[in-house]
N, C-alpha and C. Protein backbone atom coordinates (compact mmCIF):
# COMPACT_ATOMS: atom_id res chain seq x y z
N MET A 1 -15.51 -4.15 58.07
CA MET A 1 -14.16 -3.75 57.67
C MET A 1 -14.29 -2.89 56.41
N ASP A 2 -13.71 -1.72 56.45
CA ASP A 2 -13.79 -0.85 55.29
C ASP A 2 -12.71 -1.19 54.27
N THR A 3 -12.78 -0.56 53.13
CA THR A 3 -11.90 -0.87 52.01
C THR A 3 -10.44 -0.56 52.33
N LEU A 4 -10.19 0.58 52.99
CA LEU A 4 -8.82 0.96 53.32
C LEU A 4 -8.16 -0.07 54.23
N SER A 5 -8.90 -0.57 55.20
CA SER A 5 -8.35 -1.59 56.09
C SER A 5 -8.03 -2.87 55.34
N ALA A 6 -8.89 -3.23 54.38
CA ALA A 6 -8.66 -4.44 53.60
C ALA A 6 -7.41 -4.29 52.74
N ILE A 7 -7.22 -3.11 52.16
CA ILE A 7 -6.04 -2.87 51.33
C ILE A 7 -4.77 -2.91 52.18
N LEU A 8 -4.83 -2.29 53.36
CA LEU A 8 -3.67 -2.30 54.24
C LEU A 8 -3.33 -3.71 54.71
N LEU A 9 -4.34 -4.51 54.97
CA LEU A 9 -4.08 -5.90 55.36
C LEU A 9 -3.48 -6.69 54.21
N LEU A 10 -3.93 -6.39 53.00
CA LEU A 10 -3.43 -7.11 51.83
C LEU A 10 -1.98 -6.76 51.54
N PHE A 11 -1.64 -5.46 51.59
CA PHE A 11 -0.31 -5.02 51.21
C PHE A 11 0.55 -4.60 52.40
N GLY A 12 0.05 -4.75 53.60
CA GLY A 12 0.77 -4.30 54.78
C GLY A 12 2.05 -5.07 55.05
N ASN A 13 2.13 -6.30 54.65
CA ASN A 13 3.30 -7.14 54.95
C ASN A 13 4.31 -7.20 53.80
N LEU A 14 4.14 -6.39 52.78
CA LEU A 14 5.07 -6.41 51.66
C LEU A 14 6.33 -5.62 52.02
N GLY A 15 7.46 -6.23 51.78
CA GLY A 15 8.72 -5.55 52.00
C GLY A 15 9.25 -4.97 50.72
N THR A 16 10.40 -4.34 50.80
CA THR A 16 11.02 -3.72 49.64
C THR A 16 11.34 -4.74 48.55
N THR A 17 11.84 -5.89 48.95
CA THR A 17 12.20 -6.93 47.99
C THR A 17 10.98 -7.41 47.21
N GLU A 18 9.87 -7.62 47.92
CA GLU A 18 8.67 -8.09 47.25
C GLU A 18 8.14 -7.05 46.26
N VAL A 19 8.17 -5.78 46.64
CA VAL A 19 7.70 -4.73 45.75
C VAL A 19 8.56 -4.66 44.50
N ILE A 20 9.89 -4.76 44.66
CA ILE A 20 10.80 -4.74 43.51
C ILE A 20 10.52 -5.93 42.59
N ILE A 21 10.29 -7.09 43.15
CA ILE A 21 10.00 -8.28 42.34
C ILE A 21 8.70 -8.09 41.58
N ILE A 22 7.68 -7.51 42.23
CA ILE A 22 6.41 -7.26 41.55
C ILE A 22 6.60 -6.31 40.38
N PHE A 23 7.38 -5.24 40.58
CA PHE A 23 7.63 -4.29 39.49
C PHE A 23 8.40 -4.93 38.35
N ILE A 24 9.34 -5.80 38.65
CA ILE A 24 10.09 -6.49 37.60
C ILE A 24 9.18 -7.40 36.80
N VAL A 25 8.28 -8.11 37.48
CA VAL A 25 7.34 -9.00 36.79
C VAL A 25 6.41 -8.19 35.89
N ILE A 26 5.92 -7.05 36.39
CA ILE A 26 5.07 -6.19 35.57
C ILE A 26 5.82 -5.68 34.35
N LEU A 27 7.07 -5.29 34.56
CA LEU A 27 7.90 -4.80 33.45
C LEU A 27 8.11 -5.90 32.41
N LEU A 28 8.34 -7.13 32.86
CA LEU A 28 8.53 -8.24 31.94
C LEU A 28 7.25 -8.58 31.18
N LEU A 29 6.11 -8.49 31.86
CA LEU A 29 4.84 -8.84 31.23
C LEU A 29 4.42 -7.80 30.19
N PHE A 30 4.55 -6.54 30.52
CA PHE A 30 4.03 -5.49 29.64
C PHE A 30 5.09 -4.85 28.77
N GLY A 31 6.33 -4.91 29.15
CA GLY A 31 7.39 -4.28 28.38
C GLY A 31 7.52 -2.80 28.69
N GLY A 32 8.63 -2.24 28.28
CA GLY A 32 8.93 -0.85 28.59
C GLY A 32 8.06 0.15 27.86
N LYS A 33 7.56 -0.21 26.67
CA LYS A 33 6.75 0.73 25.89
C LYS A 33 5.29 0.74 26.33
N LYS A 34 4.81 -0.37 26.82
CA LYS A 34 3.39 -0.47 27.17
C LYS A 34 3.07 0.20 28.51
N ILE A 35 3.99 0.24 29.43
CA ILE A 35 3.70 0.78 30.75
C ILE A 35 3.33 2.26 30.69
N PRO A 36 4.08 3.12 29.96
CA PRO A 36 3.63 4.52 29.86
C PRO A 36 2.27 4.67 29.19
N GLU A 37 1.99 3.81 28.21
CA GLU A 37 0.68 3.85 27.56
C GLU A 37 -0.42 3.47 28.54
N LEU A 38 -0.17 2.47 29.36
CA LEU A 38 -1.15 2.06 30.36
C LEU A 38 -1.38 3.18 31.37
N MET A 39 -0.30 3.81 31.83
CA MET A 39 -0.42 4.90 32.79
C MET A 39 -1.17 6.09 32.18
N HIS A 40 -0.92 6.35 30.90
CA HIS A 40 -1.62 7.44 30.21
C HIS A 40 -3.12 7.13 30.15
N GLY A 41 -3.46 5.91 29.84
CA GLY A 41 -4.87 5.51 29.79
C GLY A 41 -5.54 5.60 31.15
N ILE A 42 -4.82 5.19 32.18
CA ILE A 42 -5.37 5.29 33.54
C ILE A 42 -5.57 6.75 33.92
N GLY A 43 -4.61 7.60 33.57
CA GLY A 43 -4.74 9.03 33.86
C GLY A 43 -5.93 9.65 33.16
N LYS A 44 -6.15 9.28 31.89
CA LYS A 44 -7.31 9.78 31.16
C LYS A 44 -8.60 9.33 31.82
N GLY A 45 -8.63 8.09 32.25
CA GLY A 45 -9.83 7.57 32.92
C GLY A 45 -10.12 8.31 34.21
N VAL A 46 -9.09 8.58 35.00
CA VAL A 46 -9.27 9.29 36.26
C VAL A 46 -9.75 10.72 36.00
N ARG A 47 -9.15 11.39 35.01
CA ARG A 47 -9.58 12.76 34.67
C ARG A 47 -11.04 12.76 34.22
N SER A 48 -11.41 11.80 33.40
CA SER A 48 -12.79 11.72 32.92
C SER A 48 -13.75 11.48 34.08
N PHE A 49 -13.36 10.62 35.01
CA PHE A 49 -14.19 10.32 36.17
C PHE A 49 -14.37 11.57 37.03
N LYS A 50 -13.26 12.30 37.28
CA LYS A 50 -13.35 13.52 38.09
C LYS A 50 -14.21 14.58 37.40
N LYS A 51 -14.07 14.69 36.08
CA LYS A 51 -14.87 15.65 35.32
C LYS A 51 -16.35 15.31 35.45
N GLY A 52 -16.68 14.05 35.32
CA GLY A 52 -18.07 13.61 35.47
C GLY A 52 -18.60 13.88 36.87
N MET A 53 -17.78 13.63 37.87
CA MET A 53 -18.21 13.89 39.25
C MET A 53 -18.44 15.38 39.46
N ASN A 54 -17.56 16.24 38.92
CA ASN A 54 -17.73 17.68 39.06
C ASN A 54 -18.99 18.16 38.35
N GLU A 55 -19.27 17.60 37.17
CA GLU A 55 -20.48 17.98 36.44
C GLU A 55 -21.73 17.60 37.21
N ILE A 56 -21.73 16.42 37.80
CA ILE A 56 -22.88 15.98 38.58
C ILE A 56 -23.05 16.86 39.81
N GLU A 57 -21.94 17.19 40.47
CA GLU A 57 -22.00 18.04 41.65
C GLU A 57 -22.53 19.43 41.30
N GLU A 58 -22.07 19.99 40.17
CA GLU A 58 -22.56 21.29 39.73
C GLU A 58 -24.05 21.23 39.40
N GLU A 59 -24.47 20.14 38.78
CA GLU A 59 -25.87 19.99 38.43
C GLU A 59 -26.74 19.91 39.68
N ILE A 60 -26.24 19.24 40.70
CA ILE A 60 -26.98 19.12 41.95
C ILE A 60 -27.04 20.46 42.67
N ASN A 61 -25.96 21.21 42.66
CA ASN A 61 -25.88 22.45 43.42
C ASN A 61 -26.53 23.65 42.74
N THR A 62 -26.74 23.60 41.43
CA THR A 62 -27.36 24.74 40.76
C THR A 62 -28.85 24.76 41.06
N PRO A 63 -29.37 25.94 41.33
CA PRO A 63 -30.81 26.02 41.62
C PRO A 63 -31.63 25.74 40.36
N VAL A 64 -32.78 25.16 40.58
CA VAL A 64 -33.66 24.84 39.46
C VAL A 64 -34.44 26.10 39.11
N SER A 65 -34.35 26.51 37.88
CA SER A 65 -35.08 27.71 37.47
C SER A 65 -36.42 27.30 36.91
N LYS A 66 -37.45 28.03 37.34
CA LYS A 66 -38.80 27.74 36.87
C LYS A 66 -38.97 28.37 35.48
N PRO A 67 -39.66 27.69 34.61
CA PRO A 67 -39.90 28.30 33.30
C PRO A 67 -40.75 29.55 33.49
N GLU A 68 -40.37 30.59 32.77
CA GLU A 68 -41.09 31.85 32.90
C GLU A 68 -42.48 31.71 32.33
N GLU A 69 -43.41 32.18 33.12
CA GLU A 69 -44.80 32.10 32.67
C GLU A 69 -45.05 33.22 31.65
N LYS A 70 -45.73 32.85 30.62
CA LYS A 70 -46.03 33.83 29.59
C LYS A 70 -47.19 34.70 30.06
N LYS A 71 -46.92 35.97 30.03
CA LYS A 71 -47.97 36.91 30.43
C LYS A 71 -48.63 37.46 29.18
N GLU A 72 -49.90 37.28 29.12
CA GLU A 72 -50.65 37.78 27.98
C GLU A 72 -51.20 39.15 28.34
N ASP A 73 -50.96 40.08 27.48
CA ASP A 73 -51.48 41.42 27.71
C ASP A 73 -52.96 41.45 27.34
N LYS A 74 -53.74 41.96 28.24
CA LYS A 74 -55.17 42.10 27.97
C LYS A 74 -55.41 43.48 27.41
N LYS A 75 -55.94 43.55 26.23
CA LYS A 75 -56.22 44.85 25.61
C LYS A 75 -57.66 45.01 25.31
């Protein structure tokens, strides 16, 4: 069973009422000021993760350059 199927099984039976109750509980636990801060932190984390993935992908895709051999002139 892959991850998507597990998530769908977990949240597949949630109705509108249950989702609203979950959001109200989250709002009560964290408060109105903390939720935007949490979302901002999550957004920063996702951006950082994507940036790291892009850097790794670029590093993998760039060709490896050989160090130039020093040519000594014979005189």
